[in-house]
Amino acid sequence: MLSAATRRNVFILALCQALNVTGLSLMITVSAVTGHKLSADPALSTLPLGLQFTAAMLTTFPVSLLMKRVGRRIGFSLGAAAALLGGTIMLVGVLQASFVIFCVGNAFIGIGAATAQFYRFAAADAADETFKARAISMVMVGGLIAAFLGPLSARWSRLAIEGTEFAGSFVVVMALGLAALLLLQLLRIPRPTLEERRDTGRPLGEIARNATFIVAVVGGMIGYATMSFVMTASPLAMMAHHHSFDDNAFVIQWHVVGMFAPSFFTGHLIQRFGVLNVMLAGAAALLACIATGLSGTEVAHFWGAMLLLGLGWNFLYIGASALLTETYRSAERAKVQALNDFLIGFGVSVASLSSGALQAVFGWEVVNLSPLPAILAAAFAVLWLKSRRRAMAAVGSGLV
């Protein structure tokens, strides 16, 4: 059960998650379009977002190991400061019409995003075994606020600074980073003891060979990479099909709703139906997203596809995060969480860096078809683990 202190920390982490995802959803709405305006080659439009995800991937291990030494609050605060700095650099890049400076700012946003990825684990680590999935869901609910604030702020900030489109959007990113930095000072998570810092547990290679770890990573990586791949290309696809910026912001808004609204009940679904069944439902939603995306290019088609994309991400990602907590002991969590998020970050980086080029060269249909093999692989991995667990349970009960 969640204690009063844990509930307080989870509430703070949920608010910080709301600020983080508001910034990221704003970035999703404007970054590729801004990159398209600043770059000489349309195929480079998503490079800034790709660098954001690459920086997040490269930062994951150092951030996790740093937090094991100095504690969650200091680590999270450094991440929020990086997001604040990233917003400042992007603002300078837009004001000076510099694609390079804009890309550098995106990289710092990635550092902040990598740190924020550990909000969910900070909540889970404080809860007992039966409430870990629910604690993760409670933190992820904070992202639902971002479903409305992110695209809404993108709309009103787009022309807030006269003469420079989207400059106001990056002022908002700065403000969100500053707000998170201040809010995190209220977090009360004990720093690791000297014994906890020295104890490293089992070798990482031994843990990584565990079937549960493999399926958790595969599910999280494919769920997040698919979401990033389709989401990053969608504003460019909508622009190519002559939809307005407001239509684009509307679609992204409902995509983020799909990502985070289910968090109100994902933890309960995991407790009732099992984490593997929820992950399978996530894979099914991603397949439905592809079918919807291939069915047409009207705003309604983009809206339906992106809503299903968010739902599939939620079930696969939260399910995979909950599954991962079954694989490590307290002394091992920093390195296991770091490896998991590093591998997820690698998949997301490849996806986001390639989606813009695929959209520019081949179009929206190819973007939709490309993740299909990976989604099927994730579903088969989950089914394999379900079968393996049933067989082990039968052996344990003497039925075979």
Protein backbone atom coordinates (compact mmCIF):
# COMPACT_ATOMS: atom_id res chain seq x y z
CA MET A 1 0.00 0.00 0.00
CA LEU A 2 1.13 3.60 -0.57
CA SER A 3 2.05 5.46 2.59
CA ALA A 4 1.21 9.14 3.09
CA ALA A 5 4.83 10.13 2.35
CA THR A 6 4.86 8.01 -0.80
CA ARG A 7 1.56 9.51 -1.97
CA ARG A 8 3.02 12.99 -1.49
CA ASN A 9 6.09 12.11 -3.53
CA VAL A 10 3.96 10.46 -6.22
CA PHE A 11 1.80 13.60 -6.42
CA ILE A 12 4.89 15.80 -6.87
CA LEU A 13 6.29 13.42 -9.47
CA ALA A 14 2.94 13.44 -11.30
CA LEU A 15 3.00 17.25 -11.44
CA CYS A 16 6.58 17.20 -12.71
CA GLN A 17 5.54 14.59 -15.26
CA ALA A 18 2.78 16.97 -16.38
CA LEU A 19 5.30 19.79 -16.85
CA ASN A 20 7.75 17.48 -18.64
CA VAL A 21 5.19 16.05 -21.06
CA THR A 22 3.65 19.48 -21.69
CA GLY A 23 7.05 20.59 -22.92
CA LEU A 24 7.57 17.43 -24.94
CA SER A 25 4.10 17.56 -26.55
CA LEU A 26 4.69 21.22 -27.42
CA MET A 27 8.00 20.14 -28.98
CA ILE A 28 6.27 17.38 -30.94
CA THR A 29 3.84 19.96 -32.32
CA VAL A 30 6.39 22.60 -33.36
CA SER A 31 9.86 21.05 -33.58
CA ALA A 32 9.58 19.25 -36.92
CA VAL A 33 7.78 22.23 -38.47
CA THR A 34 10.45 24.60 -37.11
CA GLY A 35 13.19 22.28 -38.33
CA HIS A 36 11.54 22.27 -41.76
CA LYS A 37 11.65 26.07 -41.83
CA LEU A 38 15.26 26.34 -40.60
CA SER A 39 16.88 23.51 -42.58
CA ALA A 40 17.81 23.61 -46.25
CA ASP A 41 16.79 19.97 -46.77
CA PRO A 42 13.25 18.79 -45.87
CA ALA A 43 14.65 15.34 -45.04
CA LEU A 44 16.44 16.98 -42.07
CA SER A 45 13.20 18.34 -40.58
CA THR A 46 13.09 15.71 -37.84
CA LEU A 47 16.83 15.80 -37.11
CA PRO A 48 16.32 18.10 -34.07
CA LEU A 49 13.84 15.66 -32.52
CA GLY A 50 16.16 12.79 -33.43
CA LEU A 51 19.02 14.50 -31.61
CA GLN A 52 16.72 15.01 -28.63
CA PHE A 53 16.07 11.28 -28.41
CA THR A 54 19.74 10.44 -29.06
CA ALA A 55 20.86 12.74 -26.25
CA ALA A 56 18.28 11.10 -23.99
CA MET A 57 19.65 7.67 -24.87
CA LEU A 58 23.28 8.66 -24.19
CA THR A 59 22.36 10.33 -20.90
CA THR A 60 20.36 7.45 -19.46
CA PHE A 61 23.20 5.45 -17.92
CA PRO A 62 25.11 8.42 -16.39
CA VAL A 63 21.89 9.90 -14.96
CA SER A 64 20.79 6.63 -13.34
CA LEU A 65 24.21 5.96 -11.82
CA LEU A 66 24.47 9.58 -10.65
CA MET A 67 21.12 9.31 -8.86
CA LYS A 68 22.32 6.17 -7.10
CA ARG A 69 25.12 8.29 -5.61
CA VAL A 70 23.45 11.65 -4.96
CA GLY A 71 19.75 10.73 -4.76
CA ARG A 72 16.66 11.28 -6.88
CA ARG A 73 15.99 14.92 -6.00
CA ILE A 74 19.41 16.22 -7.09
CA GLY A 75 19.38 14.09 -10.24
CA PHE A 76 15.88 15.20 -11.21
CA SER A 77 16.79 18.84 -10.51
CA LEU A 78 19.79 18.66 -12.85
CA GLY A 79 17.50 17.28 -15.55
CA ALA A 80 15.01 20.13 -15.11
CA ALA A 81 17.88 22.62 -15.32
CA ALA A 82 18.98 20.99 -18.60
CA ALA A 83 15.45 21.43 -19.99
CA LEU A 84 15.49 25.10 -18.97
CA LEU A 85 18.85 25.56 -20.72
CA GLY A 86 17.59 23.68 -23.79
CA GLY A 87 14.60 25.98 -24.14
CA THR A 88 16.92 29.00 -23.91
CA ILE A 89 19.24 27.67 -26.62
CA MET A 90 16.34 26.80 -28.94
CA LEU A 91 14.96 30.32 -28.51
CA VAL A 92 18.33 31.73 -29.56
CA GLY A 93 18.42 29.36 -32.53
CA VAL A 94 14.99 30.47 -33.75
CA LEU A 95 15.74 34.16 -33.24
CA GLN A 96 18.99 33.81 -35.21
CA ALA A 97 17.45 31.42 -37.77
CA SER A 98 20.22 28.91 -36.97
CA PHE A 99 19.38 25.26 -37.57
CA VAL A 100 22.58 24.15 -35.79
CA ILE A 101 21.85 26.12 -32.60
CA PHE A 102 18.27 24.86 -32.67
CA CYS A 103 19.57 21.27 -32.84
CA VAL A 104 21.88 21.86 -29.86
CA GLY A 105 18.93 23.10 -27.81
CA ASN A 106 16.98 19.96 -28.69
CA ALA A 107 19.86 17.85 -27.38
CA PHE A 108 19.64 19.55 -23.96
CA ILE A 109 15.89 18.91 -23.94
CA GLY A 110 16.79 15.25 -24.45
CA ILE A 111 18.98 15.30 -21.34
CA GLY A 112 16.06 16.64 -19.33
CA ALA A 113 13.70 14.07 -20.84
CA ALA A 114 16.10 11.22 -19.99
CA THR A 115 16.08 12.27 -16.36
CA ALA A 116 12.29 12.59 -16.28
CA GLN A 117 11.95 9.02 -17.57
CA PHE A 118 12.97 7.88 -14.07
CA TYR A 119 9.97 9.57 -12.41
CA ARG A 120 7.96 6.37 -12.89
CA PHE A 121 10.67 4.19 -11.34
CA ALA A 122 11.10 6.55 -8.39
CA ALA A 123 7.40 6.05 -7.60
CA ALA A 124 7.52 2.27 -8.14
CA ASP A 125 10.60 1.83 -5.93
CA ALA A 126 8.77 3.46 -3.02
CA ALA A 127 5.72 1.17 -3.29
CA ASP A 128 5.36 -2.45 -2.21
CA GLU A 129 5.14 -5.23 -4.80
CA THR A 130 1.36 -5.19 -5.23
CA PHE A 131 1.19 -1.41 -5.79
CA LYS A 132 4.17 -0.85 -8.12
CA ALA A 133 2.07 -0.85 -11.31
CA ARG A 134 -0.46 1.52 -9.73
CA ALA A 135 2.30 3.89 -8.56
CA ILE A 136 3.70 4.00 -12.10
CA SER A 137 0.22 4.72 -13.48
CA MET A 138 -0.37 7.50 -10.96
CA VAL A 139 2.78 9.29 -12.09
CA MET A 140 1.93 8.81 -15.76
CA VAL A 141 -1.52 10.36 -15.19
CA GLY A 142 0.30 13.67 -14.88
CA GLY A 143 0.85 13.52 -18.60
CA LEU A 144 -2.89 13.87 -19.22
CA ILE A 145 -2.67 17.53 -18.21
CA ALA A 146 -0.09 17.92 -20.97
CA ALA A 147 -2.58 16.62 -23.54
CA PHE A 148 -4.36 19.95 -23.27
CA LEU A 149 -1.61 22.35 -22.16
CA GLY A 150 1.00 21.26 -24.73
CA PRO A 151 -0.87 21.76 -28.03
CA LEU A 152 -2.84 24.68 -26.55
CA SER A 153 0.36 26.47 -25.57
CA ALA A 154 1.78 25.69 -29.03
CA ARG A 155 -1.19 27.47 -30.62
CA TRP A 156 -1.15 30.63 -28.55
CA SER A 157 2.64 30.93 -28.28
CA ARG A 158 3.28 30.37 -31.99
CA LEU A 159 3.02 34.07 -32.85
CA ALA A 160 3.48 35.47 -29.32
CA ILE A 161 6.79 37.09 -30.27
CA GLU A 162 6.12 39.31 -33.24
CA GLY A 163 8.21 38.69 -36.32
CA THR A 164 9.57 35.25 -35.28
CA GLU A 165 7.21 32.32 -35.60
CA PHE A 166 7.45 29.75 -32.77
CA ALA A 167 9.91 31.81 -30.69
CA GLY A 168 7.24 32.15 -28.00
CA SER A 169 6.88 28.38 -27.89
CA PHE A 170 10.42 28.00 -26.64
CA VAL A 171 9.88 30.64 -23.97
CA VAL A 172 7.13 28.32 -22.73
CA VAL A 173 9.61 25.40 -22.71
CA MET A 174 11.93 27.51 -20.55
CA ALA A 175 9.11 28.33 -18.12
CA LEU A 176 8.14 24.67 -17.81
CA GLY A 177 11.72 23.68 -17.01
CA LEU A 178 11.96 26.37 -14.34
CA ALA A 179 8.62 25.34 -12.77
CA ALA A 180 9.75 21.69 -12.59
CA LEU A 181 13.07 22.71 -11.05
CA LEU A 182 11.30 24.62 -8.28
CA LEU A 183 8.70 21.91 -7.67
CA LEU A 184 11.32 19.18 -7.35
CA GLN A 185 12.77 20.89 -4.31
CA LEU A 186 9.69 19.66 -2.42
CA LEU A 187 10.49 16.02 -3.19
CA ARG A 188 11.43 13.95 -0.14
CA ILE A 189 13.06 10.71 -1.24
CA PRO A 190 15.88 9.49 1.04
CA ARG A 191 19.34 9.44 -0.50
CA PRO A 192 20.88 5.98 -0.93
CA THR A 193 22.86 4.82 2.09
CA LEU A 194 26.59 4.10 1.82
CA GLU A 195 25.82 0.38 1.87
CA GLU A 196 23.28 0.77 -0.96
CA ARG A 197 25.80 2.76 -3.02
CA ARG A 198 28.46 0.08 -2.58
CA ASP A 199 26.22 -2.94 -3.17
CA THR A 200 25.91 -3.69 -6.89
CA GLY A 201 24.04 -7.00 -6.74
CA ARG A 202 24.22 -9.56 -9.54
CA PRO A 203 26.19 -8.92 -12.75
CA LEU A 204 24.16 -6.99 -15.32
CA GLY A 205 24.76 -9.68 -17.94
CA GLU A 206 23.12 -12.28 -15.72
CA ILE A 207 20.03 -10.12 -15.25
CA ALA A 208 19.86 -9.26 -18.96
CA ARG A 209 19.67 -12.96 -19.88
CA ASN A 210 16.48 -13.34 -17.83
CA ALA A 211 13.43 -14.02 -20.03
CA THR A 212 11.28 -11.51 -18.15
CA PHE A 213 13.90 -8.78 -18.59
CA ILE A 214 14.15 -9.50 -22.32
CA VAL A 215 10.40 -9.27 -22.88
CA ALA A 216 10.13 -6.12 -20.74
CA VAL A 217 12.83 -4.41 -22.81
CA VAL A 218 11.44 -5.62 -26.14
CA GLY A 219 7.94 -4.46 -25.23
CA GLY A 220 9.07 -1.07 -23.95
CA MET A 221 11.48 -0.47 -26.82
CA ILE A 222 9.11 -1.42 -29.63
CA GLY A 223 6.14 0.35 -28.04
CA TYR A 224 8.06 3.60 -27.56
CA ALA A 225 9.94 3.44 -30.89
CA THR A 226 6.72 2.82 -32.83
CA MET A 227 5.03 5.71 -31.08
CA SER A 228 7.99 8.02 -31.74
CA PHE A 229 8.34 6.93 -35.37
CA VAL A 230 4.72 7.56 -36.35
CA MET A 231 4.25 10.59 -34.10
CA THR A 232 7.37 12.40 -35.35
CA ALA A 233 6.32 12.04 -38.99
CA SER A 234 2.65 12.91 -38.47
CA PRO A 235 2.97 16.75 -38.45
CA LEU A 236 4.96 16.56 -41.70
CA ALA A 237 2.42 14.18 -43.21
CA MET A 238 -0.45 16.48 -42.26
CA MET A 239 1.41 19.43 -43.73
CA ALA A 240 2.03 17.43 -46.95
CA HIS A 241 -1.72 16.76 -47.18
CA HIS A 242 -2.46 20.49 -46.72
CA HIS A 243 -3.94 20.35 -43.23
CA SER A 244 -3.59 23.46 -41.05
CA PHE A 245 -1.33 23.95 -38.04
CA ASP A 246 -4.41 24.06 -35.81
CA ASP A 247 -5.51 20.68 -37.18
CA ASN A 248 -2.03 19.35 -36.45
CA ALA A 249 -2.17 20.67 -32.87
CA PHE A 250 -5.64 19.11 -32.43
CA VAL A 251 -4.38 15.68 -33.57
CA ILE A 252 -1.33 15.84 -31.30
CA GLN A 253 -3.56 16.86 -28.41
CA TRP A 254 -5.67 13.75 -28.77
CA HIS A 255 -2.60 11.63 -29.30
CA VAL A 256 -1.32 12.74 -25.89
CA VAL A 257 -4.78 12.05 -24.43
CA GLY A 258 -4.44 8.51 -25.76
CA MET A 259 -0.99 8.26 -24.21
CA PHE A 260 -1.91 9.31 -20.70
CA ALA A 261 -5.69 9.13 -20.07
CA PRO A 262 -5.58 5.31 -19.78
CA SER A 263 -3.11 5.71 -16.92
CA PHE A 264 -6.12 6.25 -14.64
CA PHE A 265 -6.88 2.55 -14.99
CA THR A 266 -3.82 0.85 -16.54
CA GLY A 267 -2.48 -0.10 -13.11
CA HIS A 268 -5.86 -1.61 -12.14
CA LEU A 269 -5.99 -3.52 -15.45
CA ILE A 270 -2.54 -4.95 -14.78
CA GLN A 271 -3.59 -6.07 -11.30
CA ARG A 272 -6.81 -7.65 -12.61
CA PHE A 273 -5.81 -9.19 -15.95
CA GLY A 274 -2.04 -9.48 -15.63
CA VAL A 275 0.76 -7.40 -17.09
CA LEU A 276 1.28 -9.64 -20.15
CA ASN A 277 -2.36 -9.39 -21.23
CA VAL A 278 -2.22 -5.60 -20.96
CA MET A 279 0.94 -5.55 -23.08
CA LEU A 280 -0.82 -7.68 -25.71
CA ALA A 281 -3.69 -5.19 -25.74
CA GLY A 282 -1.11 -2.48 -26.38
CA ALA A 283 0.27 -4.33 -29.39
CA ALA A 284 -3.28 -4.78 -30.71
CA ALA A 285 -3.93 -1.04 -30.40
CA LEU A 286 -0.75 -0.29 -32.38
CA LEU A 287 -1.91 -2.63 -35.14
CA ALA A 288 -5.25 -0.81 -35.18
CA CYS A 289 -3.33 2.47 -35.45
CA ILE A 290 -1.58 1.23 -38.60
CA ALA A 291 -4.88 0.09 -40.14
CA THR A 292 -6.46 3.49 -39.42
CA GLY A 293 -3.47 5.39 -40.80
CA LEU A 294 -3.63 3.41 -44.03
CA SER A 295 -7.36 3.98 -44.44
CA GLY A 296 -7.10 7.65 -45.45
CA THR A 297 -5.47 11.06 -44.99
CA GLU A 298 -8.33 13.23 -43.75
CA VAL A 299 -8.01 14.87 -40.32
CA ALA A 300 -10.32 12.18 -38.88
CA HIS A 301 -7.94 9.45 -40.06
CA PHE A 302 -4.93 11.17 -38.49
CA TRP A 303 -6.94 11.75 -35.31
CA GLY A 304 -8.01 8.10 -34.99
CA ALA A 305 -4.58 6.73 -35.81
CA MET A 306 -2.77 8.97 -33.35
CA LEU A 307 -5.31 8.29 -30.58
CA LEU A 308 -4.77 4.54 -31.01
CA LEU A 309 -1.02 5.10 -31.18
CA GLY A 310 -1.12 6.76 -27.77
CA LEU A 311 -3.27 3.99 -26.29
CA GLY A 312 -0.95 1.28 -27.61
CA TRP A 313 2.08 3.11 -26.21
CA ASN A 314 0.44 3.42 -22.79
CA PHE A 315 -0.37 -0.27 -22.41
CA LEU A 316 2.96 -1.51 -23.78
CA TYR A 317 5.16 1.04 -22.02
CA ILE A 318 3.53 1.00 -18.59
CA GLY A 319 3.15 -2.77 -18.83
CA ALA A 320 6.80 -3.19 -19.74
CA SER A 321 7.86 -0.83 -16.92
CA ALA A 322 5.83 -2.85 -14.41
CA LEU A 323 7.25 -6.10 -15.79
CA LEU A 324 10.79 -4.76 -15.45
CA THR A 325 10.33 -4.20 -11.71
CA GLU A 326 10.05 -8.00 -11.33
CA THR A 327 13.62 -8.49 -12.57
CA TYR A 328 15.83 -6.61 -10.10
CA ARG A 329 16.63 -6.27 -6.41
CA SER A 330 17.04 -2.96 -4.63
CA ALA A 331 20.83 -2.81 -5.13
CA GLU A 332 20.44 -3.56 -8.84
CA ARG A 333 17.72 -1.11 -9.80
CA ALA A 334 19.98 1.76 -10.96
CA LYS A 335 21.88 -0.28 -13.54
CA VAL A 336 18.85 -2.33 -14.66
CA GLN A 337 16.66 0.76 -15.09
CA ALA A 338 19.54 2.47 -16.91
CA LEU A 339 20.07 -0.42 -19.33
CA ASN A 340 16.33 -0.64 -19.99
CA ASP A 341 15.98 3.06 -20.75
CA PHE A 342 19.22 3.10 -22.76
CA LEU A 343 17.90 0.36 -25.04
CA ILE A 344 14.51 2.06 -25.31
CA GLY A 345 16.30 5.33 -26.09
CA PHE A 346 18.33 3.63 -28.81
CA GLY A 347 15.18 2.36 -30.50
CA VAL A 348 13.48 5.75 -30.20
CA SER A 349 16.53 7.55 -31.63
CA VAL A 350 16.67 5.31 -34.69
CA ALA A 351 12.92 5.68 -35.18
CA SER A 352 12.81 9.46 -34.88
CA LEU A 353 15.92 10.04 -37.01
CA SER A 354 14.55 7.90 -39.85
CA SER A 355 10.87 8.86 -39.83
CA GLY A 356 11.31 12.32 -41.34
CA ALA A 357 13.41 11.01 -44.22
CA LEU A 358 10.95 8.17 -44.90
CA GLN A 359 8.04 10.59 -44.87
CA ALA A 360 9.84 13.01 -47.22
CA VAL A 361 10.92 10.30 -49.70
CA PHE A 362 8.20 7.61 -49.52
CA GLY A 363 5.21 9.20 -47.82
CA TRP A 364 2.72 8.42 -45.06
CA GLU A 365 1.76 4.94 -46.25
CA VAL A 366 5.33 3.64 -45.90
CA VAL A 367 5.64 5.34 -42.49
CA ASN A 368 2.61 3.36 -41.32
CA LEU A 369 3.74 0.02 -42.74
CA SER A 370 7.33 0.19 -41.48
CA PRO A 371 6.68 -0.61 -37.75
CA LEU A 372 4.47 -3.63 -38.54
CA PRO A 373 7.17 -6.34 -38.21
CA ALA A 374 8.40 -4.89 -34.91
CA ILE A 375 4.89 -4.76 -33.41
CA LEU A 376 4.30 -8.38 -34.36
CA ALA A 377 7.67 -9.31 -32.83
CA ALA A 378 6.67 -7.64 -29.55
CA ALA A 379 3.36 -9.52 -29.50
CA PHE A 380 5.09 -12.85 -30.16
CA ALA A 381 7.64 -12.12 -27.38
CA VAL A 382 4.83 -11.54 -24.87
CA LEU A 383 3.01 -14.68 -26.01
CA TRP A 384 6.26 -16.65 -25.65
CA LEU A 385 6.70 -15.46 -22.04
CA LYS A 386 3.03 -16.29 -21.26
CA SER A 387 3.57 -19.80 -22.60
CA ARG A 388 6.83 -20.18 -20.67
CA ARG A 389 5.18 -19.09 -17.40
CA ARG A 390 2.24 -21.44 -17.90
CA ALA A 391 4.64 -24.33 -18.51
CA MET A 392 6.66 -23.48 -15.38
CA ALA A 393 3.48 -23.20 -13.31
CA ALA A 394 2.32 -26.60 -14.58
CA VAL A 395 5.65 -28.18 -13.65
CA GLY A 396 5.52 -26.55 -10.22
CA SER A 397 2.02 -27.87 -9.58
CA GLY A 398 2.90 -31.36 -10.76
CA LEU A 399 0.43 -31.27 -13.68
CA VAL A 400 3.14 -32.30 -16.16
